[in-house]
PDB file of N, CA and C in Angstrom:
ATOM      1  N   GLY A   1     -13.564   4.527  22.331  1.00  0.00           N
ATOM      2  CA  GLY A   1     -13.695   5.989  21.899  1.00  0.00           C
ATOM      3  C   GLY A   1     -12.551   6.626  21.413  1.00  0.00           C
ATOM      4  N   ARG A   2     -12.473   7.979  21.351  1.00  0.00           N
ATOM      5  CA  ARG A   2     -11.446   8.654  20.732  1.00  0.00           C
ATOM      6  C   ARG A   2      -9.962   8.217  21.536  1.00  0.00           C
ATOM      7  N   ALA A   3     -10.040   8.010  22.849  1.00  0.00           N
ATOM      8  CA  ALA A   3      -8.758   7.931  23.511  1.00  0.00           C
ATOM      9  C   ALA A   3      -8.016   6.581  23.008  1.00  0.00           C
ATOM     10  N   LYS A   4      -8.567   5.680  22.339  1.00  0.00           N
ATOM     11  CA  LYS A   4      -7.898   4.343  22.029  1.00  0.00           C
ATOM     12  C   LYS A   4      -7.294   4.500  20.630  1.00  0.00           C
ATOM     13  N   ALA A   5      -7.574   5.457  19.749  1.00  0.00           N
ATOM     14  CA  ALA A   5      -7.263   5.413  18.412  1.00  0.00           C
ATOM     15  C   ALA A   5      -5.808   5.667  18.436  1.00  0.00           C
ATOM     16  N   PRO A   6      -5.132   6.614  18.997  1.00  0.00           N
ATOM     17  CA  PRO A   6      -3.777   6.586  18.916  1.00  0.00           C
ATOM     18  C   PRO A   6      -2.926   5.473  19.346  1.00  0.00           C
ATOM     19  N   LEU A   7      -3.526   4.610  20.284  1.00  0.00           N
ATOM     20  CA  LEU A   7      -3.071   3.444  20.782  1.00  0.00           C
ATOM     21  C   LEU A   7      -3.034   2.335  19.557  1.00  0.00           C
ATOM     22  N   ARG A   8      -4.213   2.254  18.886  1.00  0.00           N
ATOM     23  CA  ARG A   8      -4.247   1.454  17.921  1.00  0.00           C
ATOM     24  C   ARG A   8      -3.478   1.787  16.738  1.00  0.00           C
ATOM     25  N   SER A   9      -3.137   3.053  16.369  1.00  0.00           N
ATOM     26  CA  SER A   9      -2.360   3.554  15.523  1.00  0.00           C
ATOM     27  C   SER A   9      -0.952   3.197  15.802  1.00  0.00           C
ATOM     28  N   ALA A  10      -0.534   3.412  17.031  1.00  0.00           N
ATOM     29  CA  ALA A  10       0.931   3.135  17.413  1.00  0.00           C
ATOM     30  C   ALA A  10       1.072   1.591  17.376  1.00  0.00           C
ATOM     31  N   PHE A  11       0.180   0.772  17.593  1.00  0.00           N
ATOM     32  CA  PHE A  11       0.183  -0.625  17.615  1.00  0.00           C
ATOM     33  C   PHE A  11       0.319  -1.152  16.109  1.00  0.00           C
ATOM     34  N   ALA A  12      -0.524  -0.465  15.394  1.00  0.00           N
ATOM     35  CA  ALA A  12      -0.557  -0.774  13.798  1.00  0.00           C
ATOM     36  C   ALA A  12       1.047  -0.314  13.263  1.00  0.00           C
ATOM     37  N   ARG A  13       1.484   0.698  13.703  1.00  0.00           N
ATOM     38  CA  ARG A  13       2.889   0.957  13.061  1.00  0.00           C
ATOM     39  C   ARG A  13       3.931  -0.072  13.650  1.00  0.00           C
ATOM     40  N   ARG A  14       3.880  -0.527  14.932  1.00  0.00           N
ATOM     41  CA  ARG A  14       4.623  -1.427  15.265  1.00  0.00           C
ATOM     42  C   ARG A  14       4.444  -2.678  14.613  1.00  0.00           C
ATOM     43  N   LEU A  15       3.343  -3.100  14.313  1.00  0.00           N
ATOM     44  CA  LEU A  15       2.929  -4.260  13.727  1.00  0.00           C
ATOM     45  C   LEU A  15       3.479  -4.321  12.171  1.00  0.00           C
ATOM     46  N   TRP A  16       3.208  -3.233  11.544  1.00  0.00           N
ATOM     47  CA  TRP A  16       3.759  -3.026  10.239  1.00  0.00           C
ATOM     48  C   TRP A  16       5.331  -3.225  10.239  1.00  0.00           C
ATOM     49  N   ARG A  17       6.040  -2.569  11.139  1.00  0.00           N
ATOM     50  CA  ARG A  17       7.490  -2.424  11.102  1.00  0.00           C
ATOM     51  C   ARG A  17       7.949  -4.101  11.391  1.00  0.00           C
ATOM     52  N   THR A  18       7.333  -4.719  12.347  1.00  0.00           N
ATOM     53  CA  THR A  18       7.804  -6.020  12.614  1.00  0.00           C
ATOM     54  C   THR A  18       7.595  -6.933  11.530  1.00  0.00           C
ATOM     55  N   LEU A  19       6.244  -6.950  10.980  1.00  0.00           N
ATOM     56  CA  LEU A  19       6.044  -7.904   9.817  1.00  0.00           C
ATOM     57  C   LEU A  19       6.957  -7.423   8.629  1.00  0.00           C
ATOM     58  N   TYR A  20       7.296  -6.261   8.388  1.00  0.00           N
ATOM     59  CA  TYR A  20       8.205  -5.840   7.307  1.00  0.00           C
ATOM     60  C   TYR A  20       9.585  -6.390   7.475  1.00  0.00           C
ATOM     61  N   ARG A  21      10.114  -6.188   8.629  1.00  0.00           N
ATOM     62  CA  ARG A  21      11.294  -6.819   9.003  1.00  0.00           C
ATOM     63  C   ARG A  21      11.616  -8.249   8.912  1.00  0.00           C
ATOM     64  N   MET A  22      10.367  -9.091   9.076  1.00  0.00           N
ATOM     65  CA  MET A  22      10.448 -10.345   8.943  1.00  0.00           C
ATOM     66  C   MET A  22      10.548 -10.787   7.573  1.00  0.00           C
ATOM     67  N   ILE A  23      10.064  -9.960   6.667  1.00  0.00           N
ATOM     68  CA  ILE A  23      10.129 -10.203   5.406  1.00  0.00           C
ATOM     69  C   ILE A  23      11.304  -9.746   4.794  1.00  0.00           C
ATOM     70  N   THR A  24      11.850  -8.566   4.933  1.00  0.00           N
ATOM     71  CA  THR A  24      13.053  -8.032   4.313  1.00  0.00           C
ATOM     72  C   THR A  24      14.106  -7.509   5.679  1.00  0.00           C
ATOM     73  N   ARG A  25      15.409  -7.310   5.333  1.00  0.00           N
ATOM     74  CA  ARG A  25      16.317  -6.646   6.256  1.00  0.00           C
ATOM     75  C   ARG A  25      16.361  -5.318   5.711  1.00  0.00           C
ATOM     76  N   ASN A  26      16.053  -4.864   4.411  1.00  0.00           N
ATOM     77  CA  ASN A  26      16.113  -3.698   3.830  1.00  0.00           C
ATOM     78  C   ASN A  26      15.265  -2.540   4.473  1.00  0.00           C
ATOM     79  N   ASP A  27      15.850  -1.670   5.125  1.00  0.00           N
ATOM     80  CA  ASP A  27      15.182  -0.474   5.698  1.00  0.00           C
ATOM     81  C   ASP A  27      15.249   0.749   4.846  1.00  0.00           C
ATOM     82  N   PRO A  28      14.134   0.991   4.044  1.00  0.00           N
ATOM     83  CA  PRO A  28      14.170   2.061   3.179  1.00  0.00           C
ATOM     84  C   PRO A  28      14.325   3.539   3.886  1.00  0.00           C
ATOM     85  N   GLU A  29      15.046   4.211   3.208  1.00  0.00           N
ATOM     86  CA  GLU A  29      15.229   5.533   3.764  1.00  0.00           C
ATOM     87  C   GLU A  29      14.458   6.831   3.019  1.00  0.00           C
ATOM     88  N   SER A  30      13.551   6.302   2.054  1.00  0.00           N
ATOM     89  CA  SER A  30      12.657   7.255   1.415  1.00  0.00           C
ATOM     90  C   SER A  30      11.418   6.507   1.190  1.00  0.00           C
ATOM     91  N   TRP A  31      10.335   7.419   0.685  1.00  0.00           N
ATOM     92  CA  TRP A  31       9.253   6.673   0.083  1.00  0.00           C
ATOM     93  C   TRP A  31       9.577   5.720  -1.241  1.00  0.00           C
ATOM     94  N   GLN A  32      10.650   6.309  -2.120  1.00  0.00           N
ATOM     95  CA  GLN A  32      10.899   5.783  -3.391  1.00  0.00           C
ATOM     96  C   GLN A  32      11.445   4.329  -3.126  1.00  0.00           C
ATOM     97  N   ALA A  33      12.244   4.379  -2.008  1.00  0.00           N
ATOM     98  CA  ALA A  33      13.099   3.179  -1.687  1.00  0.00           C
ATOM     99  C   ALA A  33      11.877   2.116  -1.158  1.00  0.00           C
ATOM    100  N   LEU A  34      10.995   2.676  -0.272  1.00  0.00           N
ATOM    101  CA  LEU A  34      10.057   1.825   0.193  1.00  0.00           C
ATOM    102  C   LEU A  34       9.045   1.228  -0.801  1.00  0.00           C
ATOM    103  N   GLN A  35       8.643   2.028  -1.911  1.00  0.00           N
ATOM    104  CA  GLN A  35       7.767   1.414  -2.978  1.00  0.00           C
ATOM    105  C   GLN A  35       8.497   0.519  -3.746  1.00  0.00           C
ATOM    106  N   THR A  36       9.894   0.684  -4.065  1.00  0.00           N
ATOM    107  CA  THR A  36      10.734  -0.210  -4.688  1.00  0.00           C
ATOM    108  C   THR A  36      10.738  -1.649  -3.983  1.00  0.00           C
ATOM    109  N   GLU A  37      10.813  -1.558  -2.633  1.00  0.00           N
ATOM    110  CA  GLU A  37      10.946  -2.683  -1.722  1.00  0.00           C
ATOM    111  C   GLU A  37       9.659  -3.393  -1.661  1.00  0.00           C
ATOM    112  N   VAL A  38       8.452  -2.687  -1.750  1.00  0.00           N
ATOM    113  CA  VAL A  38       7.234  -3.334  -1.570  1.00  0.00           C
ATOM    114  C   VAL A  38       7.042  -4.033  -3.010  1.00  0.00           C
ATOM    115  N   GLY A  39       7.154  -3.329  -4.091  1.00  0.00           N
ATOM    116  CA  GLY A  39       7.203  -4.023  -5.331  1.00  0.00           C
ATOM    117  C   GLY A  39       8.173  -5.299  -5.515  1.00  0.00           C
ATOM    118  N   ARG A  40       9.213  -5.223  -5.031  1.00  0.00           N
ATOM    119  CA  ARG A  40      10.093  -6.551  -5.104  1.00  0.00           C
ATOM    120  C   ARG A  40       9.514  -7.503  -4.346  1.00  0.00           C
ATOM    121  N   ILE A  41       9.042  -7.266  -3.120  1.00  0.00           N
ATOM    122  CA  ILE A  41       8.441  -8.225  -2.221  1.00  0.00           C
ATOM    123  C   ILE A  41       7.261  -8.964  -2.934  1.00  0.00           C
ATOM    124  N   LEU A  42       6.512  -8.256  -3.448  1.00  0.00           N
ATOM    125  CA  LEU A  42       5.124  -8.701  -4.093  1.00  0.00           C
ATOM    126  C   LEU A  42       5.448  -9.418  -5.432  1.00  0.00           C
ATOM    127  N   SER A  43       6.510  -9.008  -6.110  1.00  0.00           N
ATOM    128  CA  SER A  43       7.018  -9.802  -7.322  1.00  0.00           C
ATOM    129  C   SER A  43       7.589 -11.248  -6.865  1.00  0.00           C
ATOM    130  N   GLU A  44       8.277 -11.177  -5.863  1.00  0.00           N
ATOM    131  CA  GLU A  44       8.694 -12.465  -5.319  1.00  0.00           C
ATOM    132  C   GLU A  44       7.596 -13.245  -4.852  1.00  0.00           C
ATOM    133  N   CYS A  45       6.575 -12.784  -4.640  1.00  0.00           N
ATOM    134  CA  CYS A  45       5.216 -13.472  -4.082  1.00  0.00           C
ATOM    135  C   CYS A  45       4.432 -14.063  -5.229  1.00  0.00           C
ATOM    136  N   GLY A  46       4.980 -13.732  -6.466  1.00  0.00           N
ATOM    137  CA  GLY A  46       4.203 -14.071  -7.758  1.00  0.00           C
ATOM    138  C   GLY A  46       3.433 -13.257  -8.300  1.00  0.00           C
ATOM    139  N   PHE A  47       3.385 -11.972  -7.972  1.00  0.00           N
ATOM    140  CA  PHE A  47       2.437 -10.990  -8.562  1.00  0.00           C
ATOM    141  C   PHE A  47       3.285 -10.386  -9.604  1.00  0.00           C
ATOM    142  N   ALA A  48       2.365  -9.917 -10.800  1.00  0.00           N
ATOM    143  CA  ALA A  48       3.018  -9.066 -11.780  1.00  0.00           C
ATOM    144  C   ALA A  48       2.804  -7.633 -11.172  1.00  0.00           C
ATOM    145  N   VAL A  49       3.935  -7.071 -11.072  1.00  0.00           N
ATOM    146  CA  VAL A  49       3.911  -5.656 -10.379  1.00  0.00           C
ATOM    147  C   VAL A  49       4.370  -4.594 -11.192  1.00  0.00           C
ATOM    148  N   GLU A  50       3.873  -3.346 -10.975  1.00  0.00           N
ATOM    149  CA  GLU A  50       4.116  -2.130 -11.811  1.00  0.00           C
ATOM    150  C   GLU A  50       4.304  -1.136 -10.656  1.00  0.00           C
ATOM    151  N   VAL A  51       5.351  -0.384 -10.595  1.00  0.00           N
ATOM    152  CA  VAL A  51       5.661   0.667  -9.699  1.00  0.00           C
ATOM    153  C   VAL A  51       5.325   1.809 -10.403  1.00  0.00           C
ATOM    154  N   GLU A  52       4.696   2.791  -9.862  1.00  0.00           N
ATOM    155  CA  GLU A  52       4.209   4.227 -10.296  1.00  0.00           C
ATOM    156  C   GLU A  52       3.306   4.001 -11.557  1.00  0.00           C
ATOM    157  N   LYS A  53       2.425   3.146 -11.262  1.00  0.00           N
ATOM    158  CA  LYS A  53       1.579   2.789 -12.468  1.00  0.00           C
ATOM    159  C   LYS A  53       0.199   3.746 -12.439  1.00  0.00           C
ATOM    160  N   ARG A  54      -0.063   4.383 -13.965  1.00  0.00           N
ATOM    161  CA  ARG A  54      -0.994   5.271 -13.967  1.00  0.00           C
ATOM    162  C   ARG A  54      -2.308   4.460 -14.460  1.00  0.00           C
ATOM    163  N   ILE A  55      -3.321   4.634 -13.946  1.00  0.00           N
ATOM    164  CA  ILE A  55      -4.503   3.956 -14.204  1.00  0.00           C
ATOM    165  C   ILE A  55      -5.885   4.833 -14.268  1.00  0.00           C
ATOM    166  N   GLN A  56      -6.622   4.415 -15.041  1.00  0.00           N
ATOM    167  CA  GLN A  56      -7.796   5.224 -15.120  1.00  0.00           C
ATOM    168  C   GLN A  56      -8.919   4.926 -14.222  1.00  0.00           C
ATOM    169  N   SER A  57      -9.496   5.960 -13.502  1.00  0.00           N
ATOM    170  CA  SER A  57     -10.503   5.749 -12.487  1.00  0.00           C
ATOM    171  C   SER A  57     -11.730   6.412 -12.821  1.00  0.00           C
ATOM    172  N   ALA A  58     -12.810   6.446 -12.163  1.00  0.00           N
ATOM    173  CA  ALA A  58     -14.093   7.034 -12.662  1.00  0.00           C
ATOM    174  C   ALA A  58     -13.886   8.633 -12.491  1.00  0.00           C
ATOM    175  N   ARG A  59     -12.834   9.027 -11.765  1.00  0.00           N
ATOM    176  CA  ARG A  59     -12.559  10.560 -11.572  1.00  0.00           C
ATOM    177  C   ARG A  59     -11.414  11.039 -12.406  1.00  0.00           C
ATOM    178  N   GLY A  60     -10.896  10.042 -13.339  1.00  0.00           N
ATOM    179  CA  GLY A  60      -9.739  10.546 -14.073  1.00  0.00           C
ATOM    180  C   GLY A  60      -8.488   9.649 -13.744  1.00  0.00           C
ATOM    181  N   ALA A  61      -7.448   9.974 -14.375  1.00  0.00           N
ATOM    182  CA  ALA A  61      -6.120   9.195 -14.360  1.00  0.00           C
ATOM    183  C   ALA A  61      -5.614   9.393 -12.766  1.00  0.00           C
ATOM    184  N   VAL A  62      -5.214   8.262 -12.097  1.00  0.00           N
ATOM    185  CA  VAL A  62      -4.583   8.445 -10.887  1.00  0.00           C
ATOM    186  C   VAL A  62      -3.062   7.677 -11.109  1.00  0.00           C
ATOM    187  N   GLU A  63      -2.132   7.888 -10.261  1.00  0.00           N
ATOM    188  CA  GLU A  63      -1.012   7.160  -9.998  1.00  0.00           C
ATOM    189  C   GLU A  63      -0.806   6.405  -8.803  1.00  0.00           C
ATOM    190  N   LEU A  64      -0.582   5.195  -8.893  1.00  0.00           N
ATOM    191  CA  LEU A  64      -0.422   4.247  -7.846  1.00  0.00           C
ATOM    192  C   LEU A  64       0.961   3.913  -7.553  1.00  0.00           C
ATOM    193  N   ASP A  65       1.511   4.110  -6.239  1.00  0.00           N
ATOM    194  CA  ASP A  65       2.856   3.736  -5.912  1.00  0.00           C
ATOM    195  C   ASP A  65       3.241   2.550  -6.557  1.00  0.00           C
ATOM    196  N   VAL A  66       2.411   1.443  -6.227  1.00  0.00           N
ATOM    197  CA  VAL A  66       2.706  -0.133  -6.339  1.00  0.00           C
ATOM    198  C   VAL A  66       1.377  -0.512  -6.702  1.00  0.00           C
ATOM    199  N   TYR A  67       1.189  -1.388  -7.961  1.00  0.00           N
ATOM    200  CA  TYR A  67       0.018  -2.090  -8.224  1.00  0.00           C
ATOM    201  C   TYR A  67       0.500  -3.455  -8.662  1.00  0.00           C
ATOM    202  N   ALA A  68      -0.190  -4.382  -8.087  1.00  0.00           N
ATOM    203  CA  ALA A  68       0.138  -5.792  -8.361  1.00  0.00           C
ATOM    204  C   ALA A  68      -1.013  -6.736  -8.442  1.00  0.00           C
ATOM    205  N   GLU A  69      -1.004  -7.621  -9.489  1.00  0.00           N
ATOM    206  CA  GLU A  69      -1.960  -8.355 -10.024  1.00  0.00           C
ATOM    207  C   GLU A  69      -1.463  -9.886 -10.035  1.00  0.00           C
ATOM    208  N   GLU A  70      -2.382 -10.848  -9.688  1.00  0.00           N
ATOM    209  CA  GLU A  70      -2.114 -12.182  -9.856  1.00  0.00           C
ATOM    210  C   GLU A  70      -3.518 -12.783 -10.231  1.00  0.00           C
ATOM    211  N   THR A  71      -3.404 -14.011 -10.858  1.00  0.00           N
ATOM    212  CA  THR A  71      -4.772 -14.601 -11.258  1.00  0.00           C
ATOM    213  C   THR A  71      -4.588 -16.039 -10.693  1.00  0.00           C
ATOM    214  N   VAL A  72      -5.729 -16.307  -9.853  1.00  0.00           N
ATOM    215  CA  VAL A  72      -5.772 -17.752  -9.227  1.00  0.00           C
ATOM    216  C   VAL A  72      -6.912 -18.433  -9.527  1.00  0.00           C
ATOM    217  N   ARG A  73      -6.882 -19.630 -10.181  1.00  0.00           N
ATOM    218  CA  ARG A  73      -7.860 -20.395 -10.633  1.00  0.00           C
ATOM    219  C   ARG A  73      -8.913 -19.339 -11.433  1.00  0.00           C
ATOM    220  N   GLY A  74      -8.260 -18.696 -12.434  1.00  0.00           N
ATOM    221  CA  GLY A  74      -9.062 -17.726 -13.275  1.00  0.00           C
ATOM    222  C   GLY A  74      -9.757 -16.531 -12.727  1.00  0.00           C
ATOM    223  N   ARG A  75      -9.390 -16.207 -11.435  1.00  0.00           N
ATOM    224  CA  ARG A  75      -9.959 -15.159 -10.759  1.00  0.00           C
ATOM    225  C   ARG A  75      -8.680 -14.059 -10.541  1.00  0.00           C
ATOM    226  N   LYS A  76      -8.765 -12.857 -10.993  1.00  0.00           N
ATOM    227  CA  LYS A  76      -7.898 -11.825 -10.764  1.00  0.00           C
ATOM    228  C   LYS A  76      -7.984 -11.177  -9.535  1.00  0.00           C
ATOM    229  N   TYR A  77      -6.848 -11.009  -8.814  1.00  0.00           N
ATOM    230  CA  TYR A  77      -6.759 -10.196  -7.641  1.00  0.00           C
ATOM    231  C   TYR A  77      -5.625  -9.104  -7.678  1.00  0.00           C
ATOM    232  N   ALA A  78      -6.051  -8.015  -7.248  1.00  0.00           N
ATOM    233  CA  ALA A  78      -5.126  -6.805  -7.517  1.00  0.00           C
ATOM    234  C   ALA A  78      -4.913  -6.021  -6.173  1.00  0.00           C
ATOM    235  N   ILE A  79      -3.608  -5.568  -5.855  1.00  0.00           N
ATOM    236  CA  ILE A  79      -3.249  -4.939  -4.741  1.00  0.00           C
ATOM    237  C   ILE A  79      -2.862  -3.654  -5.147  1.00  0.00           C
ATOM    238  N   ALA A  80      -3.204  -2.459  -4.490  1.00  0.00           N
ATOM    239  CA  ALA A  80      -2.842  -1.177  -4.661  1.00  0.00           C
ATOM    240  C   ALA A  80      -2.186  -0.841  -3.494  1.00  0.00           C
ATOM    241  N   CYS A  81      -0.943  -0.184  -3.457  1.00  0.00           N
ATOM    242  CA  CYS A  81      -0.272   0.263  -2.366  1.00  0.00           C
ATOM    243  C   CYS A  81       0.141   1.711  -2.628  1.00  0.00           C
ATOM    244  N   GLU A  82      -0.064   2.600  -1.610  1.00  0.00           N
ATOM    245  CA  GLU A  82       0.316   3.853  -1.538  1.00  0.00           C
ATOM    246  C   GLU A  82       1.685   3.942  -0.406  1.00  0.00           C
ATOM    247  N   CYS A  83       2.860   4.226  -0.894  1.00  0.00           N
ATOM    248  CA  CYS A  83       3.851   4.121   0.145  1.00  0.00           C
ATOM    249  C   CYS A  83       4.231   5.487   0.669  1.00  0.00           C
ATOM    250  N   LYS A  84       3.777   5.590   1.829  1.00  0.00           N
ATOM    251  CA  LYS A  84       3.931   7.094   2.541  1.00  0.00           C
ATOM    252  C   LYS A  84       5.207   6.818   3.615  1.00  0.00           C
ATOM    253  N   TYR A  85       6.043   7.544   3.711  1.00  0.00           N
ATOM    254  CA  TYR A  85       7.192   7.380   4.370  1.00  0.00           C
ATOM    255  C   TYR A  85       7.284   8.821   5.355  1.00  0.00           C
ATOM    256  N   TRP A  86       6.154   9.012   6.064  1.00  0.00           N
ATOM    257  CA  TRP A  86       6.025  10.300   6.872  1.00  0.00           C
ATOM    258  C   TRP A  86       6.424  10.050   8.222  1.00  0.00           C
ATOM    259  N   LYS A  87       6.843  11.019   8.940  1.00  0.00           N
ATOM    260  CA  LYS A  87       7.307  10.854  10.372  1.00  0.00           C
ATOM    261  C   LYS A  87       5.855  11.017  11.294  1.00  0.00           C
ATOM    262  N   SER A  88       4.967  11.620  10.804  1.00  0.00           N
ATOM    263  CA  SER A  88       3.593  11.800  11.333  1.00  0.00           C
ATOM    264  C   SER A  88       2.579  10.866  10.967  1.00  0.00           C
ATOM    265  N   ARG A  89       1.542  10.863  11.599  1.00  0.00           N
ATOM    266  CA  ARG A  89       0.369   9.886  11.206  1.00  0.00           C
ATOM    267  C   ARG A  89      -0.158  10.414   9.845  1.00  0.00           C
ATOM    268  N   ILE A  90      -0.618   9.458   9.079  1.00  0.00           N
ATOM    269  CA  ILE A  90      -1.152   9.821   7.900  1.00  0.00           C
ATOM    270  C   ILE A  90      -2.608  10.475   7.947  1.00  0.00           C
ATOM    271  N   PRO A  91      -2.801  11.522   7.479  1.00  0.00           N
ATOM    272  CA  PRO A  91      -4.062  12.201   7.724  1.00  0.00           C
ATOM    273  C   PRO A  91      -5.343  11.370   6.934  1.00  0.00           C
ATOM    274  N   GLN A  92      -6.264  11.574   7.753  1.00  0.00           N
ATOM    275  CA  GLN A  92      -7.566  10.932   7.459  1.00  0.00           C
ATOM    276  C   GLN A  92      -8.122  11.098   6.007  1.00  0.00           C
ATOM    277  N   THR A  93      -7.922  12.312   5.582  1.00  0.00           N
ATOM    278  CA  THR A  93      -8.347  12.666   4.170  1.00  0.00           C
ATOM    279  C   THR A  93      -7.507  12.063   3.153  1.00  0.00           C
ATOM    280  N   VAL A  94      -6.285  11.805   3.530  1.00  0.00           N
ATOM    281  CA  VAL A  94      -5.306  10.837   2.700  1.00  0.00           C
ATOM    282  C   VAL A  94      -5.882   9.394   2.377  1.00  0.00           C
ATOM    283  N   VAL A  95      -6.189   8.909   3.598  1.00  0.00           N
ATOM    284  CA  VAL A  95      -6.604   7.484   3.696  1.00  0.00           C
ATOM    285  C   VAL A  95      -7.987   7.233   2.946  1.00  0.00           C
ATOM    286  N   HIS A  96      -8.785   8.376   3.162  1.00  0.00           N
ATOM    287  CA  HIS A  96     -10.254   8.151   2.587  1.00  0.00           C
ATOM    288  C   HIS A  96      -9.987   8.424   1.086  1.00  0.00           C
ATOM    289  N   GLY A  97      -9.057   9.211   0.622  1.00  0.00           N
ATOM    290  CA  GLY A  97      -8.958   9.446  -0.791  1.00  0.00           C
ATOM    291  C   GLY A  97      -8.376   8.292  -1.616  1.00  0.00           C
ATOM    292  N   PHE A  98      -7.482   7.580  -0.808  1.00  0.00           N
ATOM    293  CA  PHE A  98      -7.048   6.359  -1.416  1.00  0.00           C
ATOM    294  C   PHE A  98      -7.963   5.214  -1.425  1.00  0.00           C
ATOM    295  N   ARG A  99      -8.928   5.030  -0.398  1.00  0.00           N
ATOM    296  CA  ARG A  99      -9.777   4.194  -0.512  1.00  0.00           C
ATOM    297  C   ARG A  99     -10.826   4.260  -1.422  1.00  0.00           C
ATOM    298  N   THR A 100     -11.181   5.545  -2.037  1.00  0.00           N
ATOM    299  CA  THR A 100     -11.965   5.976  -3.002  1.00  0.00           C
ATOM    300  C   THR A 100     -11.413   5.508  -4.292  1.00  0.00           C
ATOM    301  N   VAL A 101     -10.210   5.737  -4.540  1.00  0.00           N
ATOM    302  CA  VAL A 101      -9.462   5.307  -5.686  1.00  0.00           C
ATOM    303  C   VAL A 101      -9.432   3.811  -5.774  1.00  0.00           C
ATOM    304  N   VAL A 102      -9.128   2.925  -4.723  1.00  0.00           N
ATOM    305  CA  VAL A 102      -9.196   1.661  -4.800  1.00  0.00           C
ATOM    306  C   VAL A 102     -10.524   1.061  -5.036  1.00  0.00           C
ATOM    307  N   GLN A 103     -11.638   1.686  -4.485  1.00  0.00           N
ATOM    308  CA  GLN A 103     -13.050   1.301  -4.889  1.00  0.00           C
ATOM    309  C   GLN A 103     -13.381   1.646  -6.432  1.00  0.00           C
ATOM    310  N   GLU A 104     -12.858   2.553  -6.813  1.00  0.00           N
ATOM    311  CA  GLU A 104     -13.084   3.072  -8.198  1.00  0.00           C
ATOM    312  C   GLU A 104     -12.376   2.227  -9.307  1.00  0.00           C
ATOM    313  N   ILE A 105     -11.262   1.604  -8.968  1.00  0.00           N
ATOM    314  CA  ILE A 105     -10.541   0.756  -9.965  1.00  0.00           C
ATOM    315  C   ILE A 105     -10.696  -0.665  -9.650  1.00  0.00           C
ATOM    316  N   GLY A 106     -11.527  -0.830  -8.718  1.00  0.00           N
ATOM    317  CA  GLY A 106     -12.063  -2.397  -8.460  1.00  0.00           C
ATOM    318  C   GLY A 106     -11.098  -3.120  -7.704  1.00  0.00           C
ATOM    319  N   SER A 107      -9.825  -2.694  -7.080  1.00  0.00           N
ATOM    320  CA  SER A 107      -9.110  -3.557  -6.488  1.00  0.00           C
ATOM    321  C   SER A 107      -9.614  -4.048  -5.166  1.00  0.00           C
ATOM    322  N   LYS A 108      -9.263  -5.232  -4.796  1.00  0.00           N
ATOM    323  CA  LYS A 108      -9.682  -5.994  -3.467  1.00  0.00           C
ATOM    324  C   LYS A 108      -8.850  -5.680  -2.171  1.00  0.00           C
ATOM    325  N   SER A 109      -7.715  -5.220  -2.513  1.00  0.00           N
ATOM    326  CA  SER A 109      -6.767  -4.993  -1.519  1.00  0.00           C
ATOM    327  C   SER A 109      -6.273  -3.615  -1.279  1.00  0.00           C
ATOM    328  N   THR A 110      -6.147  -2.976  -0.268  1.00  0.00           N
ATOM    329  CA  THR A 110      -5.550  -1.635  -0.168  1.00  0.00           C
ATOM    330  C   THR A 110      -4.350  -1.733   0.895  1.00  0.00           C
ATOM    331  N   SER A 111      -3.484  -0.817   0.732  1.00  0.00           N
ATOM    332  CA  SER A 111      -2.238  -0.735   1.765  1.00  0.00           C
ATOM    333  C   SER A 111      -1.791   0.884   1.697  1.00  0.00           C
ATOM    334  N   LEU A 112      -1.638   1.111   2.858  1.00  0.00           N
ATOM    335  CA  LEU A 112      -1.111   2.567   3.092  1.00  0.00           C
ATOM    336  C   LEU A 112       0.254   2.138   3.904  1.00  0.00           C
ATOM    337  N   ASN A 113       1.365   2.361   3.299  1.00  0.00           N
ATOM    338  CA  ASN A 113       2.519   1.900   3.925  1.00  0.00           C
ATOM    339  C   ASN A 113       3.258   3.079   4.554  1.00  0.00           C
ATOM    340  N   ARG A 114       3.855   2.916   5.674  1.00  0.00           N
ATOM    341  CA  ARG A 114       4.754   4.162   6.275  1.00  0.00           C
ATOM    342  C   ARG A 114       5.936   3.557   6.874  1.00  0.00           C
TER     343      ARG A 114
END
């Protein structure tokens, strides 16, 4: 029920921080630094990366903090990231808005980073 949601959210934040620190020792101090670091990590993993990419969706042009693509065996995979560096929980409206954008552009992966 509702009482478990904050626990899952706190767990998700701890998990994200743990995984992030396993990948990099850089601790970003702003959302700009976070998106640069996310782009660098995806680039090192072999993705073609664009930071602050403007892309056309069904509802008009949108800007993604990080957009990454790779092609494996002729199939294109895309990752769209929004890099949020907020002290509070990300509002549900922001999450739903981002999911809508991801669906409209046909990306298979989503990420809201904090």
